[in-house]
Structures are given as C-alpha cells and as structure tokens.
Amino acid sequence: MAGVPKRLTEQQKKFAELLVYNEGRMTPTECAKEAGYAEGSCYVSASRLRNPNLYPLVAKYISEIRQEVQAKYEVSFEAHITELGRIRQEALKKGAFSAAANAEVARGKAAGLYIEQRINLTGKIEDMSLDQLEAKMRKIHEDHKVIIEGTAEEAAEILLDKDEDEES
C-alpha cells in the first residue's frame, strides 16, 4: 500500500484510546469529536478510522489497546477467589460481618462448593396424560376424602388433629 502512513498521528491515537477506555460510555462519534475531528464529519471519521482497510494502523492500535485492557482486567478463578478473600478480610477488620459472610459465600459459589437446585413442581394440566390426570385426581380425592365426603365439622376436627400430630 503506497499511501498508508507508517505511524499514527496524535489525533488518531487519542481517538483509539478514547474509544477503548470509554467503551459503553461514549459513542465512536463522540470519541472522534473529543479527539479533535471536525464536528460535522465525526460520524464518518469514526467509521473510517475503525475500518482496517482504510486505516490499518488505527485498527491495529485499537486492537492492541483492547488486548491490554482485557489482560489487565481479566477474571481468572485464582484472582477472583483471592479478591473475594481480601474483601472478606477487610470486612471482618471493619466488623462488617454480613459483608464478610457474603464474600465468603461468593467464594464458595465460585469454587463450586454450593449447588443451587431448583425444582419446579408446577406443571400445566394440558401437559399431563389421561393416566396422569386420573392418578392425580385419585390422590387428591384420597388425601382430602374427609373434606369431600364428610361434614364440615368432621373435616375441621381431622385437620386439627393432623396439625397437632405434625407439631409433636
């Protein structure tokens, strides 16, 4: 490529750095404007500067900065556990036992010591087979026979006896 410059301009460097370090907080257009590109053409400049076919050095620099940032803030298991341990220790020093406990639980979860298990016991009646429906209805009838077939007084008495049995 004959017309490609051999190094980045200060303006291009500033654009790339603003773009990476403000990711999610500034748009590429805002980064171009902040870097000193003409206000009326910031959108076009931002787009062109990120195009590796037009500005390969800028695109490469953006990529390099992103890799540096990722390496610096990379989350590894060891670093994560260590940081949570440090947070726990600081919380304990300050007497913030709840925060210390939360940090320790987070460490345990990260290490796989806790298994979260959720069982969904609800289902749609439409998803049940005829046999499942009949079995469910028989179970309901058996479990609540007194209520269904007996008087209100009998049902209340049995339910009270059942509650007393469960408490003792």
C-alpha atoms as a PDB file:
ATOM      1  CA  MET A   1       0.000   0.000   0.000  1.00  0.00           C
ATOM      2  CA  ALA A   2       1.696   3.097  -1.206  1.00  0.00           C
ATOM      3  CA  GLY A   3      -0.345   5.811   0.539  1.00  0.00           C
ATOM      4  CA  VAL A   4      -0.566   4.268   4.033  1.00  0.00           C
ATOM      5  CA  PRO A   5       1.305   6.267   6.681  1.00  0.00           C
ATOM      6  CA  LYS A   6       3.961   4.463   8.714  1.00  0.00           C
ATOM      7  CA  ARG A   7       2.811   5.783  12.097  1.00  0.00           C
ATOM      8  CA  LEU A   8      -0.247   7.045  13.869  1.00  0.00           C
ATOM      9  CA  THR A   9      -0.955  10.722  14.330  1.00  0.00           C
ATOM     10  CA  GLU A  10      -1.579  12.042  17.835  1.00  0.00           C
ATOM     11  CA  GLN A  11      -5.215  12.635  16.849  1.00  0.00           C
ATOM     12  CA  GLN A  12      -5.608   9.006  15.732  1.00  0.00           C
ATOM     13  CA  LYS A  13      -4.014   7.752  18.965  1.00  0.00           C
ATOM     14  CA  LYS A  14      -6.330   9.919  21.026  1.00  0.00           C
ATOM     15  CA  PHE A  15      -9.362   8.632  19.120  1.00  0.00           C
ATOM     16  CA  ALA A  16      -8.331   4.992  19.634  1.00  0.00           C
ATOM     17  CA  GLU A  17      -7.655   5.480  23.339  1.00  0.00           C
ATOM     18  CA  LEU A  18     -10.913   7.329  23.911  1.00  0.00           C
ATOM     19  CA  LEU A  19     -12.766   4.608  22.037  1.00  0.00           C
ATOM     20  CA  VAL A  20     -11.333   1.745  24.098  1.00  0.00           C
ATOM     21  CA  TYR A  21     -11.184   3.381  27.527  1.00  0.00           C
ATOM     22  CA  ASN A  22     -14.708   4.795  27.248  1.00  0.00           C
ATOM     23  CA  GLU A  23     -16.342   1.716  25.713  1.00  0.00           C
ATOM     24  CA  GLY A  24     -20.022   1.778  26.560  1.00  0.00           C
ATOM     25  CA  ARG A  25     -19.890   5.339  27.867  1.00  0.00           C
ATOM     26  CA  MET A  26     -19.053   7.247  24.685  1.00  0.00           C
ATOM     27  CA  THR A  27     -20.067   6.556  21.120  1.00  0.00           C
ATOM     28  CA  PRO A  28     -17.380   6.363  18.425  1.00  0.00           C
ATOM     29  CA  THR A  29     -18.710   9.673  17.091  1.00  0.00           C
ATOM     30  CA  GLU A  30     -18.237  11.317  20.490  1.00  0.00           C
ATOM     31  CA  CYS A  31     -14.712   9.888  20.675  1.00  0.00           C
ATOM     32  CA  ALA A  32     -13.875  11.361  17.259  1.00  0.00           C
ATOM     33  CA  LYS A  33     -15.236  14.745  18.315  1.00  0.00           C
ATOM     34  CA  GLU A  34     -13.287  14.634  21.589  1.00  0.00           C
ATOM     35  CA  ALA A  35     -10.132  13.674  19.673  1.00  0.00           C
ATOM     36  CA  GLY A  36     -10.465  16.847  17.606  1.00  0.00           C
ATOM     37  CA  TYR A  37     -12.049  15.694  14.363  1.00  0.00           C
ATOM     38  CA  ALA A  38     -14.386  18.159  12.626  1.00  0.00           C
ATOM     39  CA  GLU A  39     -17.787  18.220  14.292  1.00  0.00           C
ATOM     40  CA  GLY A  40     -19.712  17.910  11.040  1.00  0.00           C
ATOM     41  CA  SER A  41     -17.840  14.780   9.967  1.00  0.00           C
ATOM     42  CA  CYS A  42     -17.236  12.988  13.294  1.00  0.00           C
ATOM     43  CA  TYR A  43     -19.597  10.161  12.421  1.00  0.00           C
ATOM     44  CA  VAL A  44     -17.830   9.489   9.123  1.00  0.00           C
ATOM     45  CA  SER A  45     -14.365   9.908  10.671  1.00  0.00           C
ATOM     46  CA  ALA A  46     -15.191   7.452  13.479  1.00  0.00           C
ATOM     47  CA  SER A  47     -16.435   4.900  10.981  1.00  0.00           C
ATOM     48  CA  ARG A  48     -13.469   5.284   8.631  1.00  0.00           C
ATOM     49  CA  LEU A  49     -10.866   5.199  11.434  1.00  0.00           C
ATOM     50  CA  ARG A  50     -12.192   1.813  12.612  1.00  0.00           C
ATOM     51  CA  ASN A  51     -12.035   0.342   9.090  1.00  0.00           C
ATOM     52  CA  PRO A  52      -8.849  -1.758   8.819  1.00  0.00           C
ATOM     53  CA  ASN A  53      -8.839  -1.411   5.023  1.00  0.00           C
ATOM     54  CA  LEU A  54      -8.715   2.373   5.246  1.00  0.00           C
ATOM     55  CA  TYR A  55      -6.727   2.870   8.459  1.00  0.00           C
ATOM     56  CA  PRO A  56      -4.905  -0.377   9.294  1.00  0.00           C
ATOM     57  CA  LEU A  57      -2.615   1.260  11.858  1.00  0.00           C
ATOM     58  CA  VAL A  58      -5.561   2.750  13.780  1.00  0.00           C
ATOM     59  CA  ALA A  59      -7.471  -0.554  13.717  1.00  0.00           C
ATOM     60  CA  LYS A  60      -4.352  -2.402  14.902  1.00  0.00           C
ATOM     61  CA  TYR A  61      -3.771   0.120  17.702  1.00  0.00           C
ATOM     62  CA  ILE A  62      -7.396  -0.199  18.848  1.00  0.00           C
ATOM     63  CA  SER A  63      -6.974  -3.987  18.919  1.00  0.00           C
ATOM     64  CA  GLU A  64      -3.724  -3.750  20.886  1.00  0.00           C
ATOM     65  CA  ILE A  65      -5.248  -1.426  23.498  1.00  0.00           C
ATOM     66  CA  ARG A  66      -8.266  -3.729  23.869  1.00  0.00           C
ATOM     67  CA  GLN A  67      -5.967  -6.703  24.457  1.00  0.00           C
ATOM     68  CA  GLU A  68      -4.061  -4.764  27.117  1.00  0.00           C
ATOM     69  CA  VAL A  69      -7.289  -3.793  28.870  1.00  0.00           C
ATOM     70  CA  GLN A  70      -8.583  -7.379  28.753  1.00  0.00           C
ATOM     71  CA  ALA A  71      -5.319  -8.713  30.164  1.00  0.00           C
ATOM     72  CA  LYS A  72      -5.329  -6.107  32.930  1.00  0.00           C
ATOM     73  CA  TYR A  73      -8.921  -6.766  33.999  1.00  0.00           C
ATOM     74  CA  GLU A  74      -9.068 -10.458  33.140  1.00  0.00           C
ATOM     75  CA  VAL A  75     -11.017 -12.529  35.625  1.00  0.00           C
ATOM     76  CA  SER A  76      -9.344 -15.786  36.488  1.00  0.00           C
ATOM     77  CA  PHE A  77     -10.501 -18.252  39.092  1.00  0.00           C
ATOM     78  CA  GLU A  78      -7.450 -17.670  41.282  1.00  0.00           C
ATOM     79  CA  ALA A  79      -7.645 -13.883  41.089  1.00  0.00           C
ATOM     80  CA  HIS A  80     -11.392 -13.957  41.745  1.00  0.00           C
ATOM     81  CA  ILE A  81     -11.063 -16.163  44.827  1.00  0.00           C
ATOM     82  CA  THR A  82      -8.151 -14.089  46.114  1.00  0.00           C
ATOM     83  CA  GLU A  83     -10.058 -10.820  45.678  1.00  0.00           C
ATOM     84  CA  LEU A  84     -13.122 -12.203  47.448  1.00  0.00           C
ATOM     85  CA  GLY A  85     -10.862 -13.348  50.284  1.00  0.00           C
ATOM     86  CA  ARG A  86      -9.327  -9.886  50.522  1.00  0.00           C
ATOM     87  CA  ILE A  87     -12.806  -8.314  50.613  1.00  0.00           C
ATOM     88  CA  ARG A  88     -13.835 -10.730  53.377  1.00  0.00           C
ATOM     89  CA  GLN A  89     -10.753  -9.858  55.444  1.00  0.00           C
ATOM     90  CA  GLU A  90     -11.356  -6.114  55.057  1.00  0.00           C
ATOM     91  CA  ALA A  91     -14.989  -6.550  56.029  1.00  0.00           C
ATOM     92  CA  LEU A  92     -14.007  -8.554  59.127  1.00  0.00           C
ATOM     93  CA  LYS A  93     -11.496  -5.853  60.150  1.00  0.00           C
ATOM     94  CA  LYS A  94     -14.299  -3.289  59.997  1.00  0.00           C
ATOM     95  CA  GLY A  95     -16.733  -5.532  61.862  1.00  0.00           C
ATOM     96  CA  ALA A  96     -18.977  -5.844  58.810  1.00  0.00           C
ATOM     97  CA  PHE A  97     -19.822  -9.480  59.425  1.00  0.00           C
ATOM     98  CA  SER A  98     -22.678  -9.583  56.940  1.00  0.00           C
ATOM     99  CA  ALA A  99     -20.448  -8.335  54.127  1.00  0.00           C
ATOM    100  CA  ALA A 100     -17.733 -10.796  55.209  1.00  0.00           C
ATOM    101  CA  ALA A 101     -20.218 -13.666  55.166  1.00  0.00           C
ATOM    102  CA  ASN A 102     -21.486 -12.635  51.731  1.00  0.00           C
ATOM    103  CA  ALA A 103     -17.929 -12.528  50.383  1.00  0.00           C
ATOM    104  CA  GLU A 104     -17.233 -15.969  51.822  1.00  0.00           C
ATOM    105  CA  VAL A 105     -20.419 -17.386  50.282  1.00  0.00           C
ATOM    106  CA  ALA A 106     -19.422 -15.849  46.942  1.00  0.00           C
ATOM    107  CA  ARG A 107     -16.008 -17.540  47.258  1.00  0.00           C
ATOM    108  CA  GLY A 108     -17.709 -20.844  47.964  1.00  0.00           C
ATOM    109  CA  LYS A 109     -20.002 -20.479  44.977  1.00  0.00           C
ATOM    110  CA  ALA A 110     -17.088 -19.592  42.714  1.00  0.00           C
ATOM    111  CA  ALA A 111     -15.212 -22.662  43.962  1.00  0.00           C
ATOM    112  CA  GLY A 112     -18.236 -24.860  43.274  1.00  0.00           C
ATOM    113  CA  LEU A 113     -18.924 -25.687  46.912  1.00  0.00           C
ATOM    114  CA  TYR A 114     -22.588 -24.772  46.601  1.00  0.00           C
ATOM    115  CA  ILE A 115     -25.068 -26.359  44.264  1.00  0.00           C
ATOM    116  CA  GLU A 116     -28.145 -24.341  43.560  1.00  0.00           C
ATOM    117  CA  GLN A 117     -31.022 -26.605  42.844  1.00  0.00           C
ATOM    118  CA  ARG A 118     -34.458 -25.515  41.853  1.00  0.00           C
ATOM    119  CA  ILE A 119     -37.255 -27.924  41.351  1.00  0.00           C
ATOM    120  CA  ASN A 120     -40.294 -26.701  39.523  1.00  0.00           C
ATOM    121  CA  LEU A 121     -43.221 -28.632  40.920  1.00  0.00           C
ATOM    122  CA  THR A 122     -45.840 -26.897  38.880  1.00  0.00           C
ATOM    123  CA  GLY A 123     -46.974 -28.168  35.564  1.00  0.00           C
ATOM    124  CA  LYS A 124     -49.726 -27.497  33.145  1.00  0.00           C
ATOM    125  CA  ILE A 125     -52.710 -29.777  33.198  1.00  0.00           C
ATOM    126  CA  GLU A 126     -52.605 -29.736  29.403  1.00  0.00           C
ATOM    127  CA  ASP A 127     -49.202 -31.444  29.510  1.00  0.00           C
ATOM    128  CA  MET A 128     -50.465 -34.419  31.562  1.00  0.00           C
ATOM    129  CA  SER A 129     -51.600 -37.685  30.031  1.00  0.00           C
ATOM    130  CA  LEU A 130     -55.048 -39.082  30.794  1.00  0.00           C
ATOM    131  CA  ASP A 131     -53.491 -41.682  33.119  1.00  0.00           C
ATOM    132  CA  GLN A 132     -51.529 -38.970  34.960  1.00  0.00           C
ATOM    133  CA  LEU A 133     -54.680 -36.872  35.348  1.00  0.00           C
ATOM    134  CA  GLU A 134     -56.666 -39.797  36.736  1.00  0.00           C
ATOM    135  CA  ALA A 135     -53.846 -40.684  39.165  1.00  0.00           C
ATOM    136  CA  LYS A 136     -53.608 -37.070  40.315  1.00  0.00           C
ATOM    137  CA  MET A 137     -57.384 -36.877  40.832  1.00  0.00           C
ATOM    138  CA  ARG A 138     -57.374 -40.164  42.818  1.00  0.00           C
ATOM    139  CA  LYS A 139     -54.539 -38.847  45.020  1.00  0.00           C
ATOM    140  CA  ILE A 140     -56.361 -35.563  45.643  1.00  0.00           C
ATOM    141  CA  HIS A 141     -59.542 -37.455  46.458  1.00  0.00           C
ATOM    142  CA  GLU A 142     -57.683 -39.827  48.832  1.00  0.00           C
ATOM    143  CA  ASP A 143     -55.782 -37.018  50.555  1.00  0.00           C
ATOM    144  CA  HIS A 144     -58.936 -34.949  51.043  1.00  0.00           C
ATOM    145  CA  LYS A 145     -61.568 -37.693  51.367  1.00  0.00           C
ATOM    146  CA  VAL A 146     -62.860 -36.417  54.694  1.00  0.00           C
ATOM    147  CA  ILE A 147     -63.326 -32.926  53.349  1.00  0.00           C
ATOM    148  CA  ILE A 148     -65.002 -34.139  50.174  1.00  0.00           C
ATOM    149  CA  GLU A 149     -67.285 -36.805  51.699  1.00  0.00           C
ATOM    150  CA  GLY A 150     -67.664 -35.775  55.345  1.00  0.00           C
ATOM    151  CA  THR A 151     -69.297 -32.880  57.109  1.00  0.00           C
ATOM    152  CA  ALA A 152     -67.536 -29.584  57.741  1.00  0.00           C
ATOM    153  CA  GLU A 153     -67.215 -30.405  61.454  1.00  0.00           C
ATOM    154  CA  GLU A 154     -65.561 -33.765  60.725  1.00  0.00           C
ATOM    155  CA  ALA A 155     -63.146 -32.166  58.286  1.00  0.00           C
ATOM    156  CA  ALA A 156     -62.169 -29.445  60.768  1.00  0.00           C
ATOM    157  CA  GLU A 157     -61.625 -31.978  63.535  1.00  0.00           C
ATOM    158  CA  ILE A 158     -59.387 -34.196  61.347  1.00  0.00           C
ATOM    159  CA  LEU A 159     -57.374 -31.249  60.095  1.00  0.00           C
ATOM    160  CA  LEU A 160     -56.843 -30.003  63.675  1.00  0.00           C
ATOM    161  CA  ASP A 161     -55.719 -33.489  64.773  1.00  0.00           C
ATOM    162  CA  LYS A 162     -53.338 -33.653  61.803  1.00  0.00           C
ATOM    163  CA  ASP A 163     -51.806 -30.265  62.702  1.00  0.00           C
ATOM    164  CA  GLU A 164     -51.299 -31.388  66.312  1.00  0.00           C
ATOM    165  CA  ASP A 165     -49.594 -34.583  65.138  1.00  0.00           C
ATOM    166  CA  GLU A 166     -47.208 -32.632  62.901  1.00  0.00           C
ATOM    167  CA  GLU A 167     -46.260 -30.242  65.737  1.00  0.00           C
ATOM    168  CA  SER A 168     -45.316 -33.050  68.125  1.00  0.00           C
END
